[in-house]
């Protein structure tokens, strides 16, 4: 076996490889439709001739990512960017390519009327417009059998005194209740928060505490969505994750990475340690009989806006980086770690944790992929497939 020596080293460390490999096989990551099209910053969009031009091509790209990685069986879509005449047809098209339509993401930031907000807008007519859009998204969810509504509110103000902060909070609560009441019984609403942008003075849902408070008021099917890039510098995101898991309020993730602000970079390219520590908290909760149930329904989703990188290759790299973070979290020697923690041996505890982080898990992932009939290196397989070269030709015809 090509990776026998590396795997033997893990066995020597007492790692139960069969359990780890099974968990890696069961890992599910949802890719986003917007990650396959041309996108970028507010300054310029650099067009990629191989990028998907519509939702049909985005689904084809997502299906290839799943085919090469084996763990991406669904694609999140964005309304109205991905609107089609027949959503039954779209659902069937995805099914024929062996993936599903995942989370639905309403757009509340592009309409001219939303300049002063959407569901927190001071004008009732604008609030209703935003609410009607979200209710329409819920109808689409029923057609495509989506079980998650991702709700991000770009609402906020740019200047002190522009609007009443308390009144905006009350409008938000009122309209979120209407949305929650309209959800089918088998659907969850994940509430996303963001520190800033586009609102530059005050954002109505600016951090996890705001989102958590709203979810507590709404009910058990409202949970917090953690976007890795939506925090102030130095924020301990793994602490937020641990708290929300313990409270049963962690609904899901939007994985990405950033250096300065919400850059939507490939996850794990700037701060792989943070990604590992987040997964460590999830794995620890899975091992806790009292909290294991809280981690079962977490939705692991990618949210990145590719600007200069090739879209599909970039998405595959994101998936690989997330897989590596999870694999490293799975091989942490929890018994020794907990003993060191109980003994107050802080340096030994840190050494145990960092030992897992510094382990090369690529052989483990390669072995897992071969176990499910895939090539060991998804990037190499993608390049051999010649998909990008074909897409550049076919998608430049029009």
Protein backbone atom coordinates (compact mmCIF):
# COMPACT_ATOMS: atom_id res chain seq x y z
CA UNK A 1 0.00 0.00 0.00
CA UNK A 2 1.42 3.38 -1.05
CA UNK A 3 0.61 5.09 2.28
CA UNK A 4 1.26 2.12 4.56
CA UNK A 5 4.25 3.59 6.41
CA UNK A 6 2.54 6.89 7.19
CA UNK A 7 -0.61 5.12 8.36
CA UNK A 8 1.45 2.80 10.58
CA UNK A 9 2.86 5.86 12.33
CA UNK A 10 -0.66 6.96 13.22
CA UNK A 11 -1.44 3.47 14.53
CA UNK A 12 1.65 3.66 16.74
CA UNK A 13 0.21 6.85 18.21
CA UNK A 14 -2.91 4.88 19.20
CA UNK A 15 -5.20 6.41 16.58
CA UNK A 16 -8.21 4.25 15.72
CA UNK A 17 -7.82 4.57 11.97
CA UNK A 18 -11.02 2.75 11.05
CA UNK A 19 -13.09 5.19 13.10
CA UNK A 20 -11.24 8.21 11.70
CA UNK A 21 -11.57 7.04 8.10
CA UNK A 22 -15.27 6.37 8.54
CA UNK A 23 -15.82 9.88 9.87
CA UNK A 24 -13.84 11.35 6.98
CA UNK A 25 -16.00 9.40 4.54
CA UNK A 26 -19.14 10.70 6.23
CA UNK A 27 -18.01 14.33 6.16
CA UNK A 28 -20.33 16.56 4.10
CA UNK A 29 -19.44 20.02 2.82
CA UNK A 30 -21.86 22.13 0.80
CA UNK A 31 -20.40 24.27 -1.97
CA UNK A 32 -22.03 27.59 -3.02
CA UNK A 33 -23.34 28.38 -6.49
CA UNK A 34 -21.81 31.88 -6.36
CA UNK A 35 -18.35 30.37 -5.90
CA UNK A 36 -18.39 28.98 -9.44
CA UNK A 37 -19.23 32.20 -11.29
CA UNK A 38 -17.33 35.38 -11.93
CA UNK A 39 -17.24 37.42 -8.75
CA UNK A 40 -14.89 39.62 -6.80
CA UNK A 41 -14.45 42.93 -5.08
CA UNK A 42 -16.40 46.15 -5.53
CA UNK A 43 -13.45 47.51 -7.56
CA UNK A 44 -13.31 45.02 -10.41
CA UNK A 45 -14.46 41.56 -11.42
CA UNK A 46 -11.78 39.71 -13.36
CA UNK A 47 -13.68 37.50 -15.78
CA UNK A 48 -12.58 33.89 -16.04
CA UNK A 49 -13.41 32.34 -19.44
CA UNK A 50 -14.01 28.99 -17.76
CA UNK A 51 -16.38 30.31 -15.08
CA UNK A 52 -20.00 29.17 -14.95
CA UNK A 53 -22.42 31.59 -16.60
CA UNK A 54 -25.68 30.35 -15.07
CA UNK A 55 -27.05 28.04 -12.40
CA UNK A 56 -27.05 25.04 -14.74
CA UNK A 57 -23.31 25.33 -15.30
CA UNK A 58 -22.76 26.04 -11.61
CA UNK A 59 -24.46 22.75 -10.79
CA UNK A 60 -22.26 20.96 -13.34
CA UNK A 61 -19.19 22.41 -11.64
CA UNK A 62 -20.47 21.47 -8.19
CA UNK A 63 -21.16 17.93 -9.39
CA UNK A 64 -17.55 17.63 -10.58
CA UNK A 65 -16.24 18.82 -7.20
CA UNK A 66 -18.36 16.14 -5.52
CA UNK A 67 -17.22 13.54 -8.04
CA UNK A 68 -13.55 14.25 -7.28
CA UNK A 69 -13.80 14.71 -3.50
CA UNK A 70 -16.71 12.44 -2.61
CA UNK A 71 -17.97 14.69 0.21
CA UNK A 72 -19.82 17.60 -1.47
CA UNK A 73 -23.29 16.21 -2.28
CA UNK A 74 -25.18 19.53 -2.30
CA UNK A 75 -25.01 23.05 -3.66
CA UNK A 76 -26.34 26.18 -1.97
CA UNK A 77 -28.19 28.58 -4.27
CA UNK A 78 -28.84 32.30 -4.17
CA UNK A 79 -32.09 34.01 -5.05
CA UNK A 80 -32.47 35.93 -7.36
CA UNK A 81 -29.06 35.17 -8.91
CA UNK A 82 -30.08 31.54 -9.51
CA UNK A 83 -33.73 32.03 -10.43
CA UNK A 84 -35.06 29.73 -13.18
CA UNK A 85 -38.46 29.33 -14.81
CA UNK A 86 -38.95 25.81 -13.45
CA UNK A 87 -37.41 24.84 -10.12
CA UNK A 88 -38.71 21.28 -10.48
CA UNK A 89 -36.51 21.01 -13.56
CA UNK A 90 -33.55 22.45 -11.67
CA UNK A 91 -34.01 19.96 -8.81
CA UNK A 92 -34.17 17.06 -11.28
CA UNK A 93 -31.16 18.35 -13.21
CA UNK A 94 -29.09 18.38 -10.02
CA UNK A 95 -30.40 14.95 -9.05
CA UNK A 96 -29.32 13.49 -12.38
CA UNK A 97 -25.81 14.73 -11.61
CA UNK A 98 -26.02 13.08 -8.17
CA UNK A 99 -26.16 16.21 -6.05
CA UNK A 100 -28.97 18.07 -4.27
CA UNK A 101 -30.05 21.66 -3.91
CA UNK A 102 -29.00 22.68 -0.43
CA UNK A 103 -29.46 25.91 1.48
CA UNK A 104 -31.42 28.81 -0.04
CA UNK A 105 -29.92 32.28 0.40
CA UNK A 106 -32.21 35.30 -0.15
CA UNK A 107 -30.66 38.51 -1.49
CA UNK A 108 -31.52 41.62 0.51
CA UNK A 109 -28.70 43.92 -0.55
CA UNK A 110 -28.94 44.68 -4.27
CA UNK A 111 -32.30 46.33 -4.73
CA UNK A 112 -32.35 50.13 -4.88
CA UNK A 113 -35.07 50.22 -2.22
CA UNK A 114 -32.79 48.50 0.31
CA UNK A 115 -30.43 51.47 0.63
CA UNK A 116 -31.71 52.11 4.17
CA UNK A 117 -32.32 48.47 5.04
CA UNK A 118 -34.63 45.57 4.20
CA UNK A 119 -36.70 44.09 7.03
CA UNK A 120 -35.50 46.85 9.38
CA UNK A 121 -36.20 49.65 6.90
CA UNK A 122 -38.22 52.52 8.39
CA UNK A 123 -40.71 52.28 5.50
CA UNK A 124 -43.30 49.52 5.92
CA UNK A 125 -43.59 49.05 2.14
CA UNK A 126 -39.88 48.26 1.87
CA UNK A 127 -40.12 45.88 4.82
CA UNK A 128 -42.95 44.08 3.04
CA UNK A 129 -40.96 43.87 -0.20
CA UNK A 130 -38.09 42.20 1.65
CA UNK A 131 -40.44 39.92 3.57
CA UNK A 132 -42.25 38.88 0.40
CA UNK A 133 -38.91 37.99 -1.21
CA UNK A 134 -37.98 35.74 1.70
CA UNK A 135 -41.42 34.09 1.67
CA UNK A 136 -40.96 33.42 -2.04
CA UNK A 137 -37.64 31.77 -1.22
CA UNK A 138 -39.43 29.52 1.26
CA UNK A 139 -41.79 28.41 -1.53
CA UNK A 140 -38.76 27.60 -3.69
CA UNK A 141 -37.34 25.57 -0.81
CA UNK A 142 -40.42 23.38 -0.78
CA UNK A 143 -40.06 22.68 -4.50
CA UNK A 144 -36.36 21.77 -4.42
CA UNK A 145 -36.63 20.03 -1.03
CA UNK A 146 -34.21 22.38 0.70
CA UNK A 147 -34.11 22.16 4.49
CA UNK A 148 -32.10 25.28 5.33
CA UNK A 149 -32.87 28.97 4.89
CA UNK A 150 -29.70 31.04 5.32
CA UNK A 151 -30.60 34.56 6.33
CA UNK A 152 -28.06 37.35 6.27
CA UNK A 153 -29.31 40.89 6.84
CA UNK A 154 -27.06 43.63 5.44
CA UNK A 155 -29.27 46.09 7.30
CA UNK A 156 -27.72 48.87 9.32
CA UNK A 157 -26.91 52.57 9.31
CA UNK A 158 -23.99 54.67 8.08
CA UNK A 159 -24.26 57.64 10.45
CA UNK A 160 -25.15 58.31 14.08
CA UNK A 161 -28.73 59.45 14.39
CA UNK A 162 -29.69 58.10 10.97
CA UNK A 163 -32.33 55.86 12.54
CA UNK A 164 -33.44 54.58 15.92
CA UNK A 165 -31.33 51.60 16.93
CA UNK A 166 -34.05 50.24 19.22
CA UNK A 167 -36.77 50.65 16.61
CA UNK A 168 -34.65 48.78 14.06
CA UNK A 169 -34.22 45.95 16.56
CA UNK A 170 -37.98 45.80 17.08
CA UNK A 171 -38.68 45.77 13.33
CA UNK A 172 -36.19 42.97 12.92
CA UNK A 173 -37.80 40.89 15.65
CA UNK A 174 -41.28 41.39 14.21
CA UNK A 175 -40.29 40.37 10.70
CA UNK A 176 -38.08 37.46 11.78
CA UNK A 177 -41.08 36.07 13.66
CA UNK A 178 -43.15 36.25 10.47
CA UNK A 179 -40.43 34.43 8.53
CA UNK A 180 -40.03 31.78 11.22
CA UNK A 181 -43.79 31.16 11.36
CA UNK A 182 -43.82 30.64 7.57
CA UNK A 183 -41.16 27.90 7.66
CA UNK A 184 -42.28 24.33 6.99
CA UNK A 185 -41.90 22.12 10.04
CA UNK A 186 -38.82 20.33 8.63
CA UNK A 187 -36.90 23.51 7.74
CA UNK A 188 -34.35 25.39 9.81
CA UNK A 189 -33.51 29.08 9.60
CA UNK A 190 -29.83 29.88 10.14
CA UNK A 191 -29.23 33.50 11.11
CA UNK A 192 -25.92 34.94 9.97
CA UNK A 193 -24.22 37.96 11.49
CA UNK A 194 -21.59 40.37 10.19
CA UNK A 195 -19.48 42.94 11.99
CA UNK A 196 -19.68 45.57 9.26
CA UNK A 197 -20.22 46.16 5.53
CA UNK A 198 -22.24 47.46 3.86
CA UNK A 199 -23.43 49.31 7.00
CA UNK A 200 -20.42 51.30 8.20
CA UNK A 201 -21.68 52.78 11.48
CA UNK A 202 -24.01 50.16 12.95
CA UNK A 203 -25.09 46.75 11.66
CA UNK A 204 -28.40 45.40 12.98
CA UNK A 205 -27.00 41.86 13.38
CA UNK A 206 -23.36 42.61 14.05
CA UNK A 207 -22.17 39.63 16.09
CA UNK A 208 -22.96 36.13 17.30
CA UNK A 209 -24.59 37.42 20.48
CA UNK A 210 -27.17 39.41 18.52
CA UNK A 211 -27.91 36.36 16.34
CA UNK A 212 -28.06 34.08 19.38
CA UNK A 213 -30.54 36.36 21.13
CA UNK A 214 -32.81 36.40 18.07
CA UNK A 215 -32.70 32.62 17.77
CA UNK A 216 -33.58 32.22 21.44
CA UNK A 217 -36.69 34.33 20.92
CA UNK A 218 -37.78 32.60 17.72
CA UNK A 219 -37.64 28.91 18.59
CA UNK A 220 -35.72 25.66 18.23
CA UNK A 221 -35.53 25.75 14.42
CA UNK A 222 -33.67 29.07 14.43
CA UNK A 223 -29.91 28.69 14.90
CA UNK A 224 -26.76 30.75 14.48
CA UNK A 225 -24.70 30.65 11.29
CA UNK A 226 -21.00 31.37 11.86
CA UNK A 227 -19.13 32.88 8.92
CA UNK A 228 -15.40 32.63 9.66
CA UNK A 229 -14.70 36.04 8.12
CA UNK A 230 -17.36 38.03 9.97
CA UNK A 231 -15.42 38.93 13.11
CA UNK A 232 -13.15 41.59 14.52
CA UNK A 233 -9.42 40.87 14.42
CA UNK A 234 -8.33 38.67 17.29
CA UNK A 235 -11.79 37.25 17.95
CA UNK A 236 -11.60 33.73 19.39
CA UNK A 237 -13.96 32.02 16.96
CA UNK A 238 -13.41 28.57 18.44
CA UNK A 239 -14.71 29.90 21.75
CA UNK A 240 -17.86 31.13 20.03
CA UNK A 241 -18.22 27.72 18.39
CA UNK A 242 -17.79 25.91 21.72
CA UNK A 243 -20.38 28.13 23.40
CA UNK A 244 -22.97 27.72 20.64
CA UNK A 245 -22.51 23.94 20.48
CA UNK A 246 -22.91 23.70 24.24
CA UNK A 247 -26.12 25.73 23.99
CA UNK A 248 -27.43 23.68 21.05
CA UNK A 249 -27.53 26.81 18.90
CA UNK A 250 -24.78 26.24 16.32
CA UNK A 251 -26.66 25.80 13.05
CA UNK A 252 -23.81 25.88 10.58
CA UNK A 253 -20.73 27.46 9.09
CA UNK A 254 -19.77 29.54 6.13
CA UNK A 255 -16.14 28.53 5.64
CA UNK A 256 -13.66 30.99 4.15
CA UNK A 257 -10.54 32.84 5.23
CA UNK A 258 -9.35 36.42 5.41
CA UNK A 259 -6.37 38.58 6.30
CA UNK A 260 -7.96 41.98 6.89
CA UNK A 261 -11.74 41.91 6.55
CA UNK A 262 -14.40 39.69 4.95
CA UNK A 263 -12.21 38.75 1.99
CA UNK A 264 -13.86 35.38 1.25
CA UNK A 265 -10.52 33.70 0.60
CA UNK A 266 -10.07 29.95 0.32
CA UNK A 267 -10.54 28.41 3.77
CA UNK A 268 -7.31 27.45 5.47
CA UNK A 269 -5.02 29.52 3.24
CA UNK A 270 -4.32 32.27 5.77
CA UNK A 271 -5.13 30.74 9.17
CA UNK A 272 -5.22 26.92 9.01
CA UNK A 273 -4.70 26.72 12.78
CA UNK A 274 -7.97 28.53 13.41
CA UNK A 275 -9.82 26.11 11.13
CA UNK A 276 -8.28 23.17 13.00
CA UNK A 277 -9.20 24.61 16.41
CA UNK A 278 -12.80 25.12 15.28
CA UNK A 279 -13.01 21.50 14.18
CA UNK A 280 -11.37 20.39 17.42
CA UNK A 281 -14.26 21.92 19.38
CA UNK A 282 -16.76 20.13 17.12
CA UNK A 283 -15.00 16.77 17.50
CA UNK A 284 -14.77 17.20 21.27
CA UNK A 285 -18.52 17.83 21.40
CA UNK A 286 -19.14 14.71 19.31
CA UNK A 287 -17.35 12.67 21.96
CA UNK A 288 -19.41 14.16 24.80
CA UNK A 289 -22.55 12.02 25.35
CA UNK A 290 -24.39 15.06 26.71
CA UNK A 291 -23.59 17.29 23.72
CA UNK A 292 -23.08 14.86 20.81
CA UNK A 293 -26.63 15.46 19.60
CA UNK A 294 -25.93 19.20 19.30
CA UNK A 295 -23.23 18.62 16.68
CA UNK A 296 -25.15 16.21 14.43
CA UNK A 297 -27.16 18.81 12.54
CA UNK A 298 -24.39 21.36 11.93
CA UNK A 299 -24.39 22.44 8.28
CA UNK A 300 -20.89 22.78 6.88
CA UNK A 301 -21.04 25.22 3.98
CA UNK A 302 -18.48 27.17 1.99
CA UNK A 303 -18.88 30.87 1.31
CA UNK A 304 -16.14 32.31 -0.85
CA UNK A 305 -16.07 34.91 -3.59
CA UNK A 306 -13.35 33.97 -6.08
CA UNK A 307 -11.77 36.98 -7.71
CA UNK A 308 -8.55 35.98 -9.46
CA UNK A 309 -8.35 32.21 -8.91
CA UNK A 310 -9.84 29.51 -11.18
CA UNK A 311 -13.26 28.73 -9.74
CA UNK A 312 -13.52 24.92 -9.66
CA UNK A 313 -9.88 24.34 -8.76
CA UNK A 314 -10.20 26.92 -5.99
CA UNK A 315 -13.30 25.17 -4.66
CA UNK A 316 -11.55 21.80 -4.63
CA UNK A 317 -8.64 23.34 -2.73
CA UNK A 318 -11.08 24.74 -0.18
CA UNK A 319 -12.61 21.31 0.34
CA UNK A 320 -9.18 19.71 0.74
CA UNK A 321 -8.14 22.28 3.34
CA UNK A 322 -11.34 21.69 5.32
CA UNK A 323 -10.79 17.93 5.10
CA UNK A 324 -7.28 18.33 6.48
CA UNK A 325 -8.51 20.43 9.39
CA UNK A 326 -11.13 17.81 10.25
CA UNK A 327 -8.66 14.93 9.89
CA UNK A 328 -6.21 16.64 12.25
CA UNK A 329 -8.97 17.24 14.77
CA UNK A 330 -9.93 13.56 14.61
CA UNK A 331 -6.41 12.35 15.48
CA UNK A 332 -6.03 14.48 18.63
CA UNK A 333 -5.08 12.22 21.54
CA UNK A 334 -8.09 13.25 23.63
CA UNK A 335 -7.26 11.00 26.57
CA UNK A 336 -3.79 12.46 27.04
CA UNK A 337 -5.11 15.96 26.37
CA UNK A 338 -7.78 15.68 29.05
CA UNK A 339 -5.31 14.22 31.55
CA UNK A 340 -2.99 17.16 30.99
CA UNK A 341 -5.87 19.60 31.32
CA UNK A 342 -7.02 18.04 34.59
CA UNK A 343 -3.48 18.09 35.94
CA UNK A 344 -3.06 21.74 35.01
CA UNK A 345 -0.15 20.84 32.72
CA UNK A 346 -0.74 23.61 30.23
CA UNK A 347 2.36 23.01 28.13
CA UNK A 348 1.71 19.29 27.74
CA UNK A 349 -1.90 20.00 26.79
CA UNK A 350 -0.75 22.46 24.17
CA UNK A 351 1.87 20.00 22.87
CA UNK A 352 -0.75 17.29 22.44
CA UNK A 353 -3.05 19.58 20.52
CA UNK A 354 -0.33 21.07 18.35
CA UNK A 355 1.09 17.61 17.73
CA UNK A 356 -2.11 16.71 15.90
CA UNK A 357 -2.12 20.00 14.01
CA UNK A 358 1.47 19.47 12.85
CA UNK A 359 0.78 15.93 11.63
CA UNK A 360 0.76 15.44 7.85
CA UNK A 361 -2.70 13.96 7.25
CA UNK A 362 -2.50 13.99 3.45
CA UNK A 363 -1.63 10.26 3.32
CA UNK A 364 -4.65 9.51 5.52
CA UNK A 365 -6.96 11.48 3.22
CA UNK A 366 -5.44 9.90 0.12
CA UNK A 367 -6.06 6.45 1.58
CA UNK A 368 -9.64 7.39 2.45
CA UNK A 369 -10.30 8.57 -1.11
CA UNK A 370 -8.96 5.33 -2.55
CA UNK A 371 -11.25 3.44 -0.17
CA UNK A 372 -14.28 5.09 -1.82
CA UNK A 373 -12.99 4.61 -5.35
CA UNK A 374 -11.51 8.06 -5.95
CA UNK A 375 -8.08 9.16 -7.05
CA UNK A 376 -5.91 10.06 -4.04
CA UNK A 377 -5.27 13.66 -5.14
CA UNK A 378 -8.39 15.60 -6.26
CA UNK A 379 -6.36 18.47 -7.75
CA UNK A 380 -4.27 16.08 -9.81
CA UNK A 381 -7.42 14.28 -10.92
CA UNK A 382 -9.03 17.60 -11.87
CA UNK A 383 -6.05 18.61 -14.00
CA UNK A 384 -5.99 15.22 -15.72
CA UNK A 385 -9.70 15.52 -16.44
CA UNK A 386 -9.14 18.60 -18.60
CA UNK A 387 -12.41 20.12 -17.40
CA UNK A 388 -11.16 23.69 -17.22
CA UNK A 389 -9.79 23.67 -20.77
CA UNK A 390 -13.08 22.33 -22.10
CA UNK A 391 -15.08 24.87 -20.09
CA UNK A 392 -13.01 27.77 -21.42
CA UNK A 393 -13.86 26.76 -24.96
CA UNK A 394 -17.53 25.90 -24.44
CA UNK A 395 -18.36 28.86 -22.19
CA UNK A 396 -16.75 31.41 -24.47
CA UNK A 397 -18.89 30.47 -27.47
CA UNK A 398 -21.59 32.97 -26.55
